[in-house]
Amino acid sequence: MKAIYHATYILPAKKEKTSVRMKMDVNDFFGLETKRDQLWFYGFYATSFVILTSLVIISAVMDAVNL
């Protein structure tokens, strides 16, 4: 009785670089040339997002409690 052996070859997956390319496009679009420019830009919008999100959550909680 012969054993049947079927070898499967798995090719390495291609690494997608879309997120890196997207960030480079945003930097080019807004003219962010240095790391300092990027820090101010992304820091400002991250801080704004956190403040706005916390205000929305606090508003929803206060509406649910009927204060």
N, C-alpha and C. Protein backbone atom coordinates (compact mmCIF):
# COMPACT_ATOMS: atom_id res chain seq x y z
N MET A 1 0.84 -1.17 0.00
CA MET A 1 0.00 0.00 0.00
C MET A 1 0.89 1.24 0.00
N LYS A 2 0.67 2.10 -0.97
CA LYS A 2 1.49 3.31 -1.07
C LYS A 2 0.77 4.47 -0.40
N ALA A 3 1.54 5.23 0.31
CA ALA A 3 1.00 6.44 0.94
C ALA A 3 1.03 7.58 -0.09
N ILE A 4 -0.04 8.28 -0.17
CA ILE A 4 -0.11 9.42 -1.10
C ILE A 4 0.25 10.68 -0.33
N TYR A 5 1.26 11.37 -0.79
CA TYR A 5 1.73 12.59 -0.12
C TYR A 5 1.51 13.75 -1.06
N HIS A 6 0.81 14.73 -0.60
CA HIS A 6 0.55 15.92 -1.40
C HIS A 6 1.19 17.10 -0.69
N ALA A 7 2.21 17.66 -1.29
CA ALA A 7 2.91 18.80 -0.69
C ALA A 7 2.21 20.09 -1.09
N THR A 8 1.99 20.92 -0.11
CA THR A 8 1.43 22.23 -0.39
C THR A 8 2.50 23.27 -0.11
N TYR A 9 2.66 24.16 -1.02
CA TYR A 9 3.65 25.22 -0.86
C TYR A 9 2.92 26.52 -0.57
N ILE A 10 3.33 27.16 0.48
CA ILE A 10 2.72 28.42 0.87
C ILE A 10 3.70 29.53 0.54
N LEU A 11 3.28 30.41 -0.33
CA LEU A 11 4.13 31.53 -0.70
C LEU A 11 4.04 32.61 0.37
N PRO A 12 5.13 33.33 0.60
CA PRO A 12 5.06 34.40 1.59
C PRO A 12 4.09 35.50 1.14
N ALA A 13 3.35 36.02 2.09
CA ALA A 13 2.36 37.04 1.77
C ALA A 13 3.06 38.36 1.44
N LYS A 14 2.48 39.06 0.52
CA LYS A 14 3.02 40.38 0.17
C LYS A 14 2.63 41.37 1.24
N LYS A 15 3.57 42.18 1.64
CA LYS A 15 3.28 43.18 2.66
C LYS A 15 2.67 44.41 2.00
N GLU A 16 1.54 44.81 2.52
CA GLU A 16 0.86 45.99 2.01
C GLU A 16 1.44 47.24 2.66
N LYS A 17 1.68 48.25 1.88
CA LYS A 17 2.22 49.49 2.40
C LYS A 17 1.23 50.63 2.21
N THR A 18 -0.07 50.33 2.26
CA THR A 18 -1.06 51.36 2.01
C THR A 18 -1.10 52.37 3.15
N SER A 19 -0.96 51.92 4.40
CA SER A 19 -1.05 52.86 5.50
C SER A 19 0.12 53.83 5.49
N VAL A 20 1.31 53.34 5.16
CA VAL A 20 2.48 54.21 5.08
C VAL A 20 2.31 55.18 3.94
N ARG A 21 1.83 54.72 2.80
CA ARG A 21 1.64 55.60 1.65
C ARG A 21 0.56 56.63 1.94
N MET A 22 -0.49 56.23 2.66
CA MET A 22 -1.56 57.16 2.99
C MET A 22 -1.04 58.28 3.88
N LYS A 23 -0.22 57.93 4.86
CA LYS A 23 0.33 58.94 5.75
C LYS A 23 1.24 59.88 4.97
N MET A 24 1.99 59.35 4.03
CA MET A 24 2.86 60.19 3.22
C MET A 24 2.03 61.14 2.36
N ASP A 25 0.89 60.68 1.87
CA ASP A 25 0.02 61.55 1.08
C ASP A 25 -0.56 62.66 1.94
N VAL A 26 -0.97 62.36 3.15
CA VAL A 26 -1.51 63.38 4.05
C VAL A 26 -0.43 64.41 4.37
N ASN A 27 0.78 63.94 4.63
CA ASN A 27 1.87 64.85 4.93
C ASN A 27 2.18 65.75 3.73
N ASP A 28 2.17 65.18 2.54
CA ASP A 28 2.41 65.98 1.34
C ASP A 28 1.28 66.97 1.10
N PHE A 29 0.05 66.54 1.32
CA PHE A 29 -1.10 67.40 1.06
C PHE A 29 -1.10 68.63 1.96
N PHE A 30 -0.80 68.44 3.25
CA PHE A 30 -0.83 69.56 4.18
C PHE A 30 0.53 70.26 4.30
N GLY A 31 1.52 69.81 3.56
CA GLY A 31 2.82 70.47 3.57
C GLY A 31 3.61 70.24 4.85
N LEU A 32 3.48 69.06 5.42
CA LEU A 32 4.20 68.75 6.66
C LEU A 32 5.57 68.21 6.27
N GLU A 33 6.56 69.08 6.35
CA GLU A 33 7.88 68.72 5.86
C GLU A 33 8.77 68.11 6.94
N THR A 34 8.65 68.59 8.17
CA THR A 34 9.53 68.11 9.23
C THR A 34 8.74 67.30 10.25
N LYS A 35 9.47 66.59 11.10
CA LYS A 35 8.82 65.83 12.17
C LYS A 35 8.12 66.77 13.14
N ARG A 36 8.66 67.95 13.32
CA ARG A 36 8.03 68.93 14.22
C ARG A 36 6.66 69.37 13.68
N ASP A 37 6.59 69.59 12.37
CA ASP A 37 5.31 69.94 11.75
C ASP A 37 4.30 68.82 11.94
N GLN A 38 4.74 67.58 11.73
CA GLN A 38 3.84 66.44 11.88
C GLN A 38 3.38 66.29 13.32
N LEU A 39 4.28 66.53 14.27
CA LEU A 39 3.92 66.42 15.68
C LEU A 39 2.84 67.42 16.05
N TRP A 40 2.98 68.67 15.63
CA TRP A 40 1.97 69.68 15.91
C TRP A 40 0.65 69.35 15.22
N PHE A 41 0.71 68.94 13.98
CA PHE A 41 -0.50 68.66 13.21
C PHE A 41 -1.28 67.49 13.79
N TYR A 42 -0.61 66.35 13.94
CA TYR A 42 -1.30 65.16 14.45
C TYR A 42 -1.63 65.31 15.93
N GLY A 43 -0.80 66.00 16.69
CA GLY A 43 -1.08 66.23 18.11
C GLY A 43 -2.31 67.09 18.30
N PHE A 44 -2.45 68.14 17.49
CA PHE A 44 -3.61 69.02 17.59
C PHE A 44 -4.89 68.27 17.29
N TYR A 45 -4.89 67.51 16.20
CA TYR A 45 -6.12 66.80 15.83
C TYR A 45 -6.42 65.63 16.77
N ALA A 46 -5.40 64.99 17.32
CA ALA A 46 -5.64 63.93 18.30
C ALA A 46 -6.23 64.51 19.58
N THR A 47 -5.69 65.63 20.03
CA THR A 47 -6.23 66.29 21.23
C THR A 47 -7.66 66.76 21.00
N SER A 48 -7.92 67.34 19.86
CA SER A 48 -9.28 67.79 19.53
C SER A 48 -10.25 66.62 19.50
N PHE A 49 -9.83 65.49 18.93
CA PHE A 49 -10.68 64.31 18.86
C PHE A 49 -10.99 63.77 20.25
N VAL A 50 -10.01 63.74 21.13
CA VAL A 50 -10.23 63.24 22.50
C VAL A 50 -11.19 64.15 23.25
N ILE A 51 -11.01 65.45 23.14
CA ILE A 51 -11.90 66.39 23.84
C ILE A 51 -13.32 66.28 23.30
N LEU A 52 -13.48 66.24 21.99
CA LEU A 52 -14.82 66.15 21.39
C LEU A 52 -15.49 64.83 21.76
N THR A 53 -14.76 63.74 21.73
CA THR A 53 -15.32 62.43 22.09
C THR A 53 -15.74 62.40 23.55
N SER A 54 -14.93 62.96 24.43
CA SER A 54 -15.29 62.96 25.85
C SER A 54 -16.53 63.82 26.09
N LEU A 55 -16.66 64.93 25.38
CA LEU A 55 -17.85 65.77 25.53
C LEU A 55 -19.11 65.04 25.05
N VAL A 56 -19.00 64.30 23.98
CA VAL A 56 -20.15 63.54 23.47
C VAL A 56 -20.54 62.46 24.47
N ILE A 57 -19.57 61.77 25.04
CA ILE A 57 -19.86 60.71 26.02
C ILE A 57 -20.48 61.30 27.28
N ILE A 58 -19.93 62.41 27.77
CA ILE A 58 -20.49 63.05 28.97
C ILE A 58 -21.91 63.51 28.70
N SER A 59 -22.16 64.06 27.52
CA SER A 59 -23.51 64.52 27.17
C SER A 59 -24.49 63.34 27.13
N ALA A 60 -24.07 62.23 26.56
CA ALA A 60 -24.95 61.06 26.48
C ALA A 60 -25.24 60.50 27.86
N VAL A 61 -24.26 60.49 28.74
CA VAL A 61 -24.47 59.99 30.11
C VAL A 61 -25.41 60.92 30.87
N MET A 62 -25.22 62.22 30.72
CA MET A 62 -26.10 63.16 31.44
C MET A 62 -27.52 63.11 30.91
N ASP A 63 -27.70 62.85 29.62
CA ASP A 63 -29.05 62.70 29.07
C ASP A 63 -29.71 61.43 29.59
N ALA A 64 -28.92 60.39 29.76
CA ALA A 64 -29.47 59.11 30.23
C ALA A 64 -29.86 59.20 31.71
N VAL A 65 -29.15 60.02 32.46
CA VAL A 65 -29.43 60.14 33.89
C VAL A 65 -30.51 61.19 34.15
N ASN A 66 -30.79 62.03 33.18
CA ASN A 66 -31.79 63.11 33.30
C ASN A 66 -31.40 64.12 34.37
N LEU A 67 -30.16 64.59 34.32
CA LEU A 67 -29.73 65.62 35.26
C LEU A 67 -30.07 66.99 34.76
